Each structure stands twice: as C-alpha cells, then as structure tokens.
C-alpha atoms as a PDB file:
ATOM      1  CA  UNK A   1     -19.642 -24.208   2.792  1.00  0.00           C
ATOM      2  CA  UNK A   2     -15.870 -23.980   3.582  1.00  0.00           C
ATOM      3  CA  UNK A   3     -12.639 -25.997   2.429  1.00  0.00           C
ATOM      4  CA  UNK A   4      -9.134 -25.736   2.418  1.00  0.00           C
ATOM      5  CA  UNK A   5      -6.903 -26.695  -0.786  1.00  0.00           C
ATOM      6  CA  UNK A   6      -3.275 -27.535   0.032  1.00  0.00           C
ATOM      7  CA  UNK A   7      -1.208 -27.054  -3.891  1.00  0.00           C
ATOM      8  CA  UNK A   8       2.091 -28.862  -4.629  1.00  0.00           C
ATOM      9  CA  UNK A   9       3.752 -26.037  -6.655  1.00  0.00           C
ATOM     10  CA  UNK A  10       3.702 -27.554 -10.099  1.00  0.00           C
ATOM     11  CA  UNK A  11       0.446 -27.472  -9.948  1.00  0.00           C
ATOM     12  CA  UNK A  12      -0.323 -23.497  -9.635  1.00  0.00           C
ATOM     13  CA  UNK A  13       2.870 -22.984 -12.572  1.00  0.00           C
ATOM     14  CA  UNK A  14       0.740 -22.762 -15.365  1.00  0.00           C
ATOM     15  CA  UNK A  15      -1.488 -19.996 -13.561  1.00  0.00           C
ATOM     16  CA  UNK A  16       1.018 -18.098 -12.922  1.00  0.00           C
ATOM     17  CA  UNK A  17       1.213 -14.158 -14.174  1.00  0.00           C
ATOM     18  CA  UNK A  18       4.481 -13.850 -15.340  1.00  0.00           C
ATOM     19  CA  UNK A  19       4.024  -9.916 -16.545  1.00  0.00           C
ATOM     20  CA  UNK A  20       3.712  -9.157 -12.658  1.00  0.00           C
ATOM     21  CA  UNK A  21       6.603 -11.047 -11.679  1.00  0.00           C
ATOM     22  CA  UNK A  22       8.362  -9.502 -14.585  1.00  0.00           C
ATOM     23  CA  UNK A  23       7.120  -6.364 -13.476  1.00  0.00           C
ATOM     24  CA  UNK A  24       9.248  -6.694 -10.272  1.00  0.00           C
ATOM     25  CA  UNK A  25      12.082  -7.022 -11.312  1.00  0.00           C
ATOM     26  CA  UNK A  26      11.421  -3.946 -13.581  1.00  0.00           C
ATOM     27  CA  UNK A  27      10.762  -5.643 -16.908  1.00  0.00           C
ATOM     28  CA  UNK A  28       8.353  -3.975 -19.045  1.00  0.00           C
ATOM     29  CA  UNK A  29       5.229  -6.526 -20.159  1.00  0.00           C
ATOM     30  CA  UNK A  30       6.653  -7.411 -23.342  1.00  0.00           C
ATOM     31  CA  UNK A  31       9.870  -8.907 -21.884  1.00  0.00           C
ATOM     32  CA  UNK A  32       7.562 -11.485 -19.993  1.00  0.00           C
ATOM     33  CA  UNK A  33       6.114 -12.559 -23.716  1.00  0.00           C
ATOM     34  CA  UNK A  34       8.815 -15.620 -22.820  1.00  0.00           C
ATOM     35  CA  UNK A  35       6.761 -17.238 -20.944  1.00  0.00           C
ATOM     36  CA  UNK A  36       4.640 -18.236 -23.718  1.00  0.00           C
ATOM     37  CA  UNK A  37       7.748 -19.976 -25.872  1.00  0.00           C
ATOM     38  CA  UNK A  38       8.274 -23.290 -25.965  1.00  0.00           C
ATOM     39  CA  UNK A  39      11.149 -24.133 -24.106  1.00  0.00           C
ATOM     40  CA  UNK A  40      14.133 -25.198 -26.940  1.00  0.00           C
ATOM     41  CA  UNK A  41      16.762 -22.800 -27.216  1.00  0.00           C
ATOM     42  CA  UNK A  42      15.973 -22.320 -30.915  1.00  0.00           C
ATOM     43  CA  UNK A  43      12.739 -20.871 -30.135  1.00  0.00           C
ATOM     44  CA  UNK A  44      14.343 -19.082 -27.601  1.00  0.00           C
ATOM     45  CA  UNK A  45      17.071 -17.227 -30.392  1.00  0.00           C
ATOM     46  CA  UNK A  46      13.759 -16.788 -32.534  1.00  0.00           C
ATOM     47  CA  UNK A  47      12.074 -14.689 -29.897  1.00  0.00           C
ATOM     48  CA  UNK A  48      15.204 -12.528 -28.960  1.00  0.00           C
ATOM     49  CA  UNK A  49      15.272 -11.321 -32.256  1.00  0.00           C
ATOM     50  CA  UNK A  50      12.071 -10.348 -32.379  1.00  0.00           C
ATOM     51  CA  UNK A  51      13.057  -6.972 -30.408  1.00  0.00           C
ATOM     52  CA  UNK A  52      14.944  -3.991 -31.543  1.00  0.00           C
ATOM     53  CA  UNK A  53      18.926  -4.297 -31.425  1.00  0.00           C
ATOM     54  CA  UNK A  54      19.421  -2.245 -29.092  1.00  0.00           C
ATOM     55  CA  UNK A  55      16.763  -4.182 -26.749  1.00  0.00           C
ATOM     56  CA  UNK A  56      18.062  -7.526 -27.421  1.00  0.00           C
ATOM     57  CA  UNK A  57      20.507  -7.074 -24.176  1.00  0.00           C
ATOM     58  CA  UNK A  58      17.537  -6.607 -21.928  1.00  0.00           C
ATOM     59  CA  UNK A  59      15.364  -9.136 -23.507  1.00  0.00           C
ATOM     60  CA  UNK A  60      18.222 -12.009 -23.191  1.00  0.00           C
ATOM     61  CA  UNK A  61      17.929 -10.918 -19.277  1.00  0.00           C
ATOM     62  CA  UNK A  62      14.737 -11.376 -18.871  1.00  0.00           C
ATOM     63  CA  UNK A  63      14.927 -15.010 -20.736  1.00  0.00           C
ATOM     64  CA  UNK A  64      18.130 -15.875 -18.243  1.00  0.00           C
ATOM     65  CA  UNK A  65      15.541 -14.641 -15.424  1.00  0.00           C
ATOM     66  CA  UNK A  66      12.551 -16.674 -16.490  1.00  0.00           C
ATOM     67  CA  UNK A  67      14.806 -20.053 -16.816  1.00  0.00           C
ATOM     68  CA  UNK A  68      16.683 -19.162 -13.796  1.00  0.00           C
ATOM     69  CA  UNK A  69      12.910 -18.662 -12.014  1.00  0.00           C
ATOM     70  CA  UNK A  70      11.853 -22.305 -13.078  1.00  0.00           C
ATOM     71  CA  UNK A  71      14.916 -23.274 -12.463  1.00  0.00           C
ATOM     72  CA  UNK A  72      13.439 -22.285  -8.705  1.00  0.00           C
ATOM     73  CA  UNK A  73      10.493 -23.618  -8.818  1.00  0.00           C
ATOM     74  CA  UNK A  74      10.980 -27.008  -9.642  1.00  0.00           C
ATOM     75  CA  UNK A  75      13.986 -26.658  -6.568  1.00  0.00           C
ATOM     76  CA  UNK A  76      11.152 -26.000  -4.265  1.00  0.00           C
ATOM     77  CA  UNK A  77       8.574 -28.221  -5.589  1.00  0.00           C
ATOM     78  CA  UNK A  78       9.717 -30.822  -3.108  1.00  0.00           C
ATOM     79  CA  UNK A  79       9.247 -29.142   0.198  1.00  0.00           C
ATOM     80  CA  UNK A  80       7.288 -26.382  -0.188  1.00  0.00           C
ATOM     81  CA  UNK A  81       3.424 -26.160  -0.491  1.00  0.00           C
ATOM     82  CA  UNK A  82       0.741 -23.183  -1.074  1.00  0.00           C
ATOM     83  CA  UNK A  83      -2.416 -22.875   0.760  1.00  0.00           C
ATOM     84  CA  UNK A  84      -6.231 -21.856  -0.273  1.00  0.00           C
ATOM     85  CA  UNK A  85      -8.715 -21.890   2.234  1.00  0.00           C
ATOM     86  CA  UNK A  86     -11.765 -20.269   0.990  1.00  0.00           C
ATOM     87  CA  UNK A  87     -16.141 -20.188   2.086  1.00  0.00           C
ATOM     88  CA  UNK A  88     -19.388 -19.522   0.548  1.00  0.00           C
ATOM     89  CA  UNK A  89     -21.847 -17.325   2.436  1.00  0.00           C
ATOM     90  CA  UNK A  90     -25.286 -16.601   2.360  1.00  0.00           C
ATOM     91  CA  UNK A  91     -25.183 -12.540   1.375  1.00  0.00           C
ATOM     92  CA  UNK A  92     -27.584  -9.586   1.133  1.00  0.00           C
ATOM     93  CA  UNK A  93     -26.108  -6.115   0.282  1.00  0.00           C
ATOM     94  CA  UNK A  94     -27.538  -3.580   3.075  1.00  0.00           C
ATOM     95  CA  UNK A  95     -26.489   0.423   0.992  1.00  0.00           C
ATOM     96  CA  UNK A  96     -23.392  -0.080   1.000  1.00  0.00           C
ATOM     97  CA  UNK A  97     -22.986  -3.030   3.392  1.00  0.00           C
ATOM     98  CA  UNK A  98     -22.726  -6.743   2.561  1.00  0.00           C
ATOM     99  CA  UNK A  99     -24.619  -8.866   4.845  1.00  0.00           C
ATOM    100  CA  UNK A 100     -22.709 -12.298   5.096  1.00  0.00           C
ATOM    101  CA  UNK A 101     -23.887 -15.096   6.680  1.00  0.00           C
ATOM    102  CA  UNK A 102     -25.523 -12.013   8.981  1.00  0.00           C
ATOM    103  CA  UNK A 103     -22.151 -10.580   9.589  1.00  0.00           C
ATOM    104  CA  UNK A 104     -22.139  -7.344   8.456  1.00  0.00           C
ATOM    105  CA  UNK A 105     -18.868  -6.138   6.157  1.00  0.00           C
ATOM    106  CA  UNK A 106     -18.975  -2.443   5.600  1.00  0.00           C
ATOM    107  CA  UNK A 107     -17.805  -1.284   1.779  1.00  0.00           C
ATOM    108  CA  UNK A 108     -16.606   1.889   0.328  1.00  0.00           C
ATOM    109  CA  UNK A 109     -18.456   3.384  -2.822  1.00  0.00           C
ATOM    110  CA  UNK A 110     -17.232   5.787  -5.638  1.00  0.00           C
ATOM    111  CA  UNK A 111     -17.171   9.023  -5.294  1.00  0.00           C
ATOM    112  CA  UNK A 112     -15.763  10.021  -8.999  1.00  0.00           C
ATOM    113  CA  UNK A 113     -16.645   9.055 -12.194  1.00  0.00           C
ATOM    114  CA  UNK A 114     -14.326   8.131 -14.512  1.00  0.00           C
ATOM    115  CA  UNK A 115     -16.757   8.973 -17.328  1.00  0.00           C
ATOM    116  CA  UNK A 116     -19.928  10.838 -17.358  1.00  0.00           C
ATOM    117  CA  UNK A 117     -22.386   8.859 -16.986  1.00  0.00           C
ATOM    118  CA  UNK A 118     -20.763   6.294 -15.344  1.00  0.00           C
ATOM    119  CA  UNK A 119     -22.235   5.076 -11.396  1.00  0.00           C
ATOM    120  CA  UNK A 120     -20.494   5.504  -8.464  1.00  0.00           C
ATOM    121  CA  UNK A 121     -20.283   1.672  -7.429  1.00  0.00           C
ATOM    122  CA  UNK A 122     -19.764   0.081  -4.718  1.00  0.00           C
ATOM    123  CA  UNK A 123     -19.085  -3.533  -4.342  1.00  0.00           C
ATOM    124  CA  UNK A 124     -22.435  -4.151  -3.015  1.00  0.00           C
ATOM    125  CA  UNK A 125     -23.647  -3.335  -5.932  1.00  0.00           C
ATOM    126  CA  UNK A 126     -22.758  -7.063  -7.131  1.00  0.00           C
ATOM    127  CA  UNK A 127     -25.656  -8.484  -4.276  1.00  0.00           C
ATOM    128  CA  UNK A 128     -29.062  -9.048  -3.905  1.00  0.00           C
ATOM    129  CA  UNK A 129     -30.670  -6.359  -1.576  1.00  0.00           C
ATOM    130  CA  UNK A 130     -32.371  -7.738   0.955  1.00  0.00           C
ATOM    131  CA  UNK A 131     -35.711  -7.291  -0.147  1.00  0.00           C
ATOM    132  CA  UNK A 132     -34.897  -9.252  -3.645  1.00  0.00           C
ATOM    133  CA  UNK A 133     -34.004 -12.974  -2.038  1.00  0.00           C
ATOM    134  CA  UNK A 134     -30.889 -14.919  -0.768  1.00  0.00           C
ATOM    135  CA  UNK A 135     -27.474 -14.384  -2.747  1.00  0.00           C
ATOM    136  CA  UNK A 136     -23.698 -15.749  -2.561  1.00  0.00           C
ATOM    137  CA  UNK A 137     -20.853 -14.275  -1.771  1.00  0.00           C
ATOM    138  CA  UNK A 138     -17.151 -16.021  -1.638  1.00  0.00           C
ATOM    139  CA  UNK A 139     -14.082 -14.897   0.653  1.00  0.00           C
ATOM    140  CA  UNK A 140     -10.792 -16.280  -0.094  1.00  0.00           C
ATOM    141  CA  UNK A 141      -7.157 -16.596   1.523  1.00  0.00           C
ATOM    142  CA  UNK A 142      -4.110 -18.209   0.531  1.00  0.00           C
ATOM    143  CA  UNK A 143      -0.404 -18.135   1.500  1.00  0.00           C
ATOM    144  CA  UNK A 144       2.944 -19.723   0.641  1.00  0.00           C
ATOM    145  CA  UNK A 145       5.053 -21.650   3.563  1.00  0.00           C
ATOM    146  CA  UNK A 146       6.245 -19.324   5.221  1.00  0.00           C
ATOM    147  CA  UNK A 147      10.319 -21.136   5.352  1.00  0.00           C
ATOM    148  CA  UNK A 148       9.480 -20.047   1.480  1.00  0.00           C
ATOM    149  CA  UNK A 149      10.616 -16.509   2.502  1.00  0.00           C
ATOM    150  CA  UNK A 150      13.285 -16.921   4.749  1.00  0.00           C
ATOM    151  CA  UNK A 151      15.572 -18.958   2.145  1.00  0.00           C
ATOM    152  CA  UNK A 152      18.689 -17.520   0.616  1.00  0.00           C
ATOM    153  CA  UNK A 153      19.274 -15.026   3.749  1.00  0.00           C
ATOM    154  CA  UNK A 154      23.235 -15.057   2.431  1.00  0.00           C
ATOM    155  CA  UNK A 155      22.306 -14.980  -1.669  1.00  0.00           C
ATOM    156  CA  UNK A 156      20.559 -10.881  -2.119  1.00  0.00           C
ATOM    157  CA  UNK A 157      19.635 -12.584  -5.777  1.00  0.00           C
ATOM    158  CA  UNK A 158      17.918 -15.739  -4.932  1.00  0.00           C
ATOM    159  CA  UNK A 159      16.261 -14.221  -1.622  1.00  0.00           C
ATOM    160  CA  UNK A 160      14.519 -11.710  -4.362  1.00  0.00           C
ATOM    161  CA  UNK A 161      14.086 -14.403  -7.199  1.00  0.00           C
ATOM    162  CA  UNK A 162      12.019 -16.760  -4.528  1.00  0.00           C
ATOM    163  CA  UNK A 163       9.967 -13.868  -2.463  1.00  0.00           C
ATOM    164  CA  UNK A 164       8.985 -12.614  -6.154  1.00  0.00           C
ATOM    165  CA  UNK A 165       8.220 -16.246  -7.003  1.00  0.00           C
ATOM    166  CA  UNK A 166       5.996 -16.835  -3.558  1.00  0.00           C
ATOM    167  CA  UNK A 167       4.173 -13.506  -4.394  1.00  0.00           C
ATOM    168  CA  UNK A 168       3.047 -14.938  -7.789  1.00  0.00           C
ATOM    169  CA  UNK A 169       2.534 -18.363  -6.169  1.00  0.00           C
ATOM    170  CA  UNK A 170      -0.040 -17.278  -3.909  1.00  0.00           C
ATOM    171  CA  UNK A 171      -1.449 -14.971  -6.523  1.00  0.00           C
ATOM    172  CA  UNK A 172      -1.697 -18.094  -8.769  1.00  0.00           C
ATOM    173  CA  UNK A 173      -3.684 -20.010  -6.042  1.00  0.00           C
ATOM    174  CA  UNK A 174      -6.223 -17.273  -6.264  1.00  0.00           C
ATOM    175  CA  UNK A 175      -6.377 -17.856  -9.463  1.00  0.00           C
ATOM    176  CA  UNK A 176      -6.755 -21.592  -9.129  1.00  0.00           C
ATOM    177  CA  UNK A 177      -9.206 -21.349  -6.516  1.00  0.00           C
ATOM    178  CA  UNK A 178     -11.549 -19.140  -7.671  1.00  0.00           C
ATOM    179  CA  UNK A 179     -11.561 -21.545 -11.374  1.00  0.00           C
ATOM    180  CA  UNK A 180     -12.480 -24.257  -9.349  1.00  0.00           C
ATOM    181  CA  UNK A 181     -15.039 -22.530  -7.499  1.00  0.00           C
ATOM    182  CA  UNK A 182     -16.734 -21.051 -10.302  1.00  0.00           C
ATOM    183  CA  UNK A 183     -16.247 -24.562 -12.405  1.00  0.00           C
ATOM    184  CA  UNK A 184     -17.374 -27.265  -9.314  1.00  0.00           C
ATOM    185  CA  UNK A 185     -18.445 -26.265  -5.809  1.00  0.00           C
ATOM    186  CA  UNK A 186     -20.420 -22.913  -6.583  1.00  0.00           C
ATOM    187  CA  UNK A 187     -21.060 -24.125  -9.958  1.00  0.00           C
ATOM    188  CA  UNK A 188     -22.243 -20.983 -11.286  1.00  0.00           C
ATOM    189  CA  UNK A 189     -20.029 -21.220 -14.133  1.00  0.00           C
ATOM    190  CA  UNK A 190     -20.047 -24.986 -15.576  1.00  0.00           C
ATOM    191  CA  UNK A 191     -19.639 -24.680 -19.073  1.00  0.00           C
ATOM    192  CA  UNK A 192     -16.399 -22.268 -18.532  1.00  0.00           C
ATOM    193  CA  UNK A 193     -13.846 -23.577 -20.866  1.00  0.00           C
ATOM    194  CA  UNK A 194     -11.098 -20.772 -20.898  1.00  0.00           C
ATOM    195  CA  UNK A 195      -7.341 -21.109 -22.822  1.00  0.00           C
ATOM    196  CA  UNK A 196      -5.072 -20.065 -19.771  1.00  0.00           C
ATOM    197  CA  UNK A 197      -4.774 -16.945 -21.845  1.00  0.00           C
ATOM    198  CA  UNK A 198      -9.050 -15.976 -21.635  1.00  0.00           C
ATOM    199  CA  UNK A 199      -8.151 -17.162 -17.771  1.00  0.00           C
ATOM    200  CA  UNK A 200      -5.406 -14.716 -16.652  1.00  0.00           C
ATOM    201  CA  UNK A 201      -7.143 -12.420 -18.869  1.00  0.00           C
ATOM    202  CA  UNK A 202     -10.440 -12.236 -16.462  1.00  0.00           C
ATOM    203  CA  UNK A 203     -12.368 -13.006 -18.909  1.00  0.00           C
ATOM    204  CA  UNK A 204     -14.625 -15.158 -16.847  1.00  0.00           C
ATOM    205  CA  UNK A 205     -18.090 -13.850 -15.283  1.00  0.00           C
ATOM    206  CA  UNK A 206     -17.064 -12.882 -12.103  1.00  0.00           C
ATOM    207  CA  UNK A 207     -14.090 -10.650  -9.627  1.00  0.00           C
ATOM    208  CA  UNK A 208     -12.028 -11.579  -7.205  1.00  0.00           C
ATOM    209  CA  UNK A 209     -11.281  -8.020  -5.265  1.00  0.00           C
ATOM    210  CA  UNK A 210      -8.208  -8.363  -3.041  1.00  0.00           C
ATOM    211  CA  UNK A 211      -7.961  -6.273  -0.046  1.00  0.00           C
ATOM    212  CA  UNK A 212      -6.090  -3.365  -0.617  1.00  0.00           C
ATOM    213  CA  UNK A 213      -6.451  -3.139  -4.339  1.00  0.00           C
ATOM    214  CA  UNK A 214      -8.864  -0.376  -5.880  1.00  0.00           C
ATOM    215  CA  UNK A 215     -12.112  -1.900  -5.154  1.00  0.00           C
ATOM    216  CA  UNK A 216     -11.485  -2.432  -1.718  1.00  0.00           C
ATOM    217  CA  UNK A 217      -8.273  -0.584  -0.419  1.00  0.00           C
ATOM    218  CA  UNK A 218      -8.977  -0.624   3.278  1.00  0.00           C
ATOM    219  CA  UNK A 219      -6.471  -2.866   4.585  1.00  0.00           C
ATOM    220  CA  UNK A 220      -8.313  -3.392   8.221  1.00  0.00           C
ATOM    221  CA  UNK A 221     -10.722  -5.491   6.231  1.00  0.00           C
ATOM    222  CA  UNK A 222      -8.403  -7.489   6.904  1.00  0.00           C
ATOM    223  CA  UNK A 223      -9.649  -8.326  10.456  1.00  0.00           C
ATOM    224  CA  UNK A 224     -13.368  -8.834   9.404  1.00  0.00           C
ATOM    225  CA  UNK A 225     -11.743 -11.416   6.438  1.00  0.00           C
ATOM    226  CA  UNK A 226     -10.384 -13.406   9.404  1.00  0.00           C
ATOM    227  CA  UNK A 227     -13.289 -13.597  11.518  1.00  0.00           C
ATOM    228  CA  UNK A 228     -15.194 -15.757   8.606  1.00  0.00           C
ATOM    229  CA  UNK A 229     -11.961 -17.581   7.237  1.00  0.00           C
ATOM    230  CA  UNK A 230      -9.719 -19.740   9.263  1.00  0.00           C
ATOM    231  CA  UNK A 231      -6.364 -18.243   8.499  1.00  0.00           C
ATOM    232  CA  UNK A 232      -4.729 -19.366  10.958  1.00  0.00           C
ATOM    233  CA  UNK A 233      -4.879 -23.084  10.028  1.00  0.00           C
ATOM    234  CA  UNK A 234      -3.471 -22.204   6.794  1.00  0.00           C
ATOM    235  CA  UNK A 235      -0.996 -20.049   8.495  1.00  0.00           C
ATOM    236  CA  UNK A 236      -1.305 -16.285   7.390  1.00  0.00           C
ATOM    237  CA  UNK A 237      -1.429 -14.014  11.027  1.00  0.00           C
ATOM    238  CA  UNK A 238      -2.369 -10.328  10.723  1.00  0.00           C
ATOM    239  CA  UNK A 239       0.034  -7.436  12.259  1.00  0.00           C
ATOM    240  CA  UNK A 240      -1.934  -4.553  13.705  1.00  0.00           C
ATOM    241  CA  UNK A 241      -2.081  -3.068  10.493  1.00  0.00           C
ATOM    242  CA  UNK A 242      -4.380  -5.867   8.831  1.00  0.00           C
ATOM    243  CA  UNK A 243      -1.240  -7.280   7.064  1.00  0.00           C
ATOM    244  CA  UNK A 244      -0.926 -10.365   6.419  1.00  0.00           C
ATOM    245  CA  UNK A 245       2.452 -12.603   7.219  1.00  0.00           C
ATOM    246  CA  UNK A 246       3.556 -14.547   5.566  1.00  0.00           C
ATOM    247  CA  UNK A 247       3.806 -11.176   2.898  1.00  0.00           C
ATOM    248  CA  UNK A 248       3.301 -13.462  -0.110  1.00  0.00           C
ATOM    249  CA  UNK A 249      -0.538 -13.812   1.122  1.00  0.00           C
ATOM    250  CA  UNK A 250      -4.048 -12.723  -0.692  1.00  0.00           C
ATOM    251  CA  UNK A 251      -7.256 -12.391   1.083  1.00  0.00           C
ATOM    252  CA  UNK A 252     -10.424 -10.979  -0.441  1.00  0.00           C
ATOM    253  CA  UNK A 253     -13.902 -11.473  -1.845  1.00  0.00           C
ATOM    254  CA  UNK A 254     -15.737 -13.325  -4.762  1.00  0.00           C
ATOM    255  CA  UNK A 255     -18.793 -12.172  -6.446  1.00  0.00           C
ATOM    256  CA  UNK A 256     -20.828 -14.329  -9.532  1.00  0.00           C
ATOM    257  CA  UNK A 257     -22.985 -11.299 -10.623  1.00  0.00           C
ATOM    258  CA  UNK A 258     -22.660 -11.248 -14.383  1.00  0.00           C
ATOM    259  CA  UNK A 259     -22.521  -7.332 -14.452  1.00  0.00           C
ATOM    260  CA  UNK A 260     -19.686  -7.063 -11.730  1.00  0.00           C
ATOM    261  CA  UNK A 261     -16.667  -5.416 -12.721  1.00  0.00           C
ATOM    262  CA  UNK A 262     -13.241  -4.278 -11.274  1.00  0.00           C
ATOM    263  CA  UNK A 263     -12.977  -0.238 -10.464  1.00  0.00           C
ATOM    264  CA  UNK A 264     -11.179   1.878  -8.060  1.00  0.00           C
ATOM    265  CA  UNK A 265     -13.009   3.646  -5.366  1.00  0.00           C
ATOM    266  CA  UNK A 266     -10.683   6.509  -4.965  1.00  0.00           C
ATOM    267  CA  UNK A 267     -10.186   9.348  -2.639  1.00  0.00           C
ATOM    268  CA  UNK A 268     -13.255   9.967  -0.286  1.00  0.00           C
ATOM    269  CA  UNK A 269     -14.155  13.062   1.510  1.00  0.00           C
ATOM    270  CA  UNK A 270     -15.009  13.784   4.675  1.00  0.00           C
ATOM    271  CA  UNK A 271     -18.332  12.414   5.128  1.00  0.00           C
ATOM    272  CA  UNK A 272     -18.074   9.453   3.868  1.00  0.00           C
ATOM    273  CA  UNK A 273     -14.697   8.745   5.803  1.00  0.00           C
ATOM    274  CA  UNK A 274     -16.732   9.970   9.076  1.00  0.00           C
ATOM    275  CA  UNK A 275     -20.073   7.635   7.848  1.00  0.00           C
ATOM    276  CA  UNK A 276     -17.759   4.098   7.442  1.00  0.00           C
ATOM    277  CA  UNK A 277     -15.332   4.411  10.439  1.00  0.00           C
ATOM    278  CA  UNK A 278     -19.083   4.561  12.037  1.00  0.00           C
ATOM    279  CA  UNK A 279     -19.893   1.361  10.422  1.00  0.00           C
ATOM    280  CA  UNK A 280     -16.530  -0.020  10.539  1.00  0.00           C
ATOM    281  CA  UNK A 281     -16.573   0.704  14.333  1.00  0.00           C
ATOM    282  CA  UNK A 282     -13.542   2.668  14.213  1.00  0.00           C
ATOM    283  CA  UNK A 283     -12.347   5.820  15.379  1.00  0.00           C
ATOM    284  CA  UNK A 284     -12.000   9.010  12.740  1.00  0.00           C
ATOM    285  CA  UNK A 285      -8.504   9.506  13.409  1.00  0.00           C
ATOM    286  CA  UNK A 286      -7.607   4.930  12.969  1.00  0.00           C
ATOM    287  CA  UNK A 287      -9.815   5.066  10.097  1.00  0.00           C
ATOM    288  CA  UNK A 288      -7.760   7.961   8.457  1.00  0.00           C
ATOM    289  CA  UNK A 289      -4.646   6.059   9.304  1.00  0.00           C
ATOM    290  CA  UNK A 290      -6.076   2.669   7.432  1.00  0.00           C
ATOM    291  CA  UNK A 291      -7.371   4.799   4.795  1.00  0.00           C
ATOM    292  CA  UNK A 292      -4.577   7.498   3.908  1.00  0.00           C
ATOM    293  CA  UNK A 293      -4.448   7.358   0.118  1.00  0.00           C
ATOM    294  CA  UNK A 294      -7.943   7.531  -0.113  1.00  0.00           C
ATOM    295  CA  UNK A 295      -8.717  10.041   1.781  1.00  0.00           C
ATOM    296  CA  UNK A 296      -9.480  13.791  -0.212  1.00  0.00           C
ATOM    297  CA  UNK A 297      -6.336  16.113   0.951  1.00  0.00           C
ATOM    298  CA  UNK A 298      -9.447  18.702   2.382  1.00  0.00           C
ATOM    299  CA  UNK A 299     -10.601  16.466   5.016  1.00  0.00           C
END
C-alpha cells in the first residue's frame, strides 16, 4: 500500500517541534517554551518574568524570533506546499537485513552496550523473522517546495529563517504522516489519543528512524528507499553522496513493534564494516566514505 499526501503549511504548524527550531538558532530548549504560550501580549510578558533578569534579553530575542517565524509561516501558506510519500510493505527480518516486498535492505547492529546486560540492537530485531510469518514495515519521505529554500536571497536573516522553518516543516510532515498511518492507514493504533506534547515526545507505539540518524546512520540507504518510494514524484532528488535535495527533506522507515525503540549504532569494527559492504554491494572504500563517523579508528 502506498500513497502521497500534499499539506498546506497551516496544517503542519502545530506539528512543528520548536525545540529543534530554536536549537538551530542557538537557543537552549527552555526558550522554546514560548511556543506553548497564548499569543496575547500579557501572557508573553508574564512568560518573560519567569526568567532571571540576566536571561530576559535572550528570552525577548526568542519571543521576537517566534513571532517572526509565525508571520513568515502565514506568508508562505498561500503559495507553498509540503509533500509526503509513504509505502507499507510486507516485511521480514533475515539476520541483520530486512526483506521489504522481497527487496533486501541491509542494516547495522550495535557493537557497544549503553548499559551492562543491554542487547546489541539492530532495527531488524523489531520485525518478524522469516520463520514466524509475514510482518509489515513502512517507508516514508517528506519534502517542501524547492522554491521555498531559494526565497530571500538578498536578506541573510530571512533566508536563514525560511531555511530553518522549511526543515521543521519537513519534519512536521513526517510526524503528521506517521500519525495518520498509525491511526488510519496501517491502523495498528486506531485508538491512539495523544496530546500534541505527547506526540512530539514520541509517546506513541512504534518508531520512525530517519536516514542519517543514530539508528540508521548510513546515508547511502537513501538510494534503497528511492527504489521503494516515488521520491521523485514529490520533488526529491539524491546527490551522489545520498543527500536529499531540497535540503529540507526527510526519509526513513516505520516500525510498529511495541518494544521498538531508538538507539545509536555507534562505532562498528572492521569485520562488521566488511560484512555490511558485502551486503550493500559496495566496495570497502566506498562504504568507509558513507560510514566515516561510525568506524572504529583501528578499522
């Protein structure tokens, strides 16, 4: 099962995780709480008084940035859209590989424990093995209108603002699409009833690891996802390094297992690197380029 969704920007605003927006501008998470305040001046003034006097200047900057971000989102809403494409596939685990509609999707396994006794995790652990019947795994990609990233070429401040908002909108589209899939399309969480805060804290069943994130660190798997999803149909193209254009794009996998959780693959040794390169069909040198940050120095 596959589909495409086109979002108006105002449909995604409440799904924006403002913590990451403010982080991109150098603000600590506590300043992102301005997004939870009522829009009236008196409420925002009361919010300012919660900060020590030496931090109120920074808080006032955060407040102004948030107001300008909302104003820009309103201005973008008429002319620009955000896009999502998804696919639900028959899936099985085969060791450290997934089989997605029969296509092999190699993965990496942790080699370092966070706590003694923890298992060494791989995303395939959250999918039924071949001997236990068929399972389901989802894939997704989201992006913004490419023209959005080219706006305000002569205004450095607004150009940065629109770029950081575009990134948040792509992530917000992934969040909203995942919610729709859980509750309606895949339907494994039909009765889910979370507040927006709970949603953004990822208190739902299942996970949505994106390419380049700690559980799925190999950027080259974007090429595998492009074979499973019609990324071009929503305007995404891949560079030779597996980076997505527009830059404000996200792609990844969706797992429903109740025990599924995020983890970091971390450093891998030369043996796993060689095995993974073989499973991916790449030379060892090519694989080293894609996984440079995840290879033990001795490899």
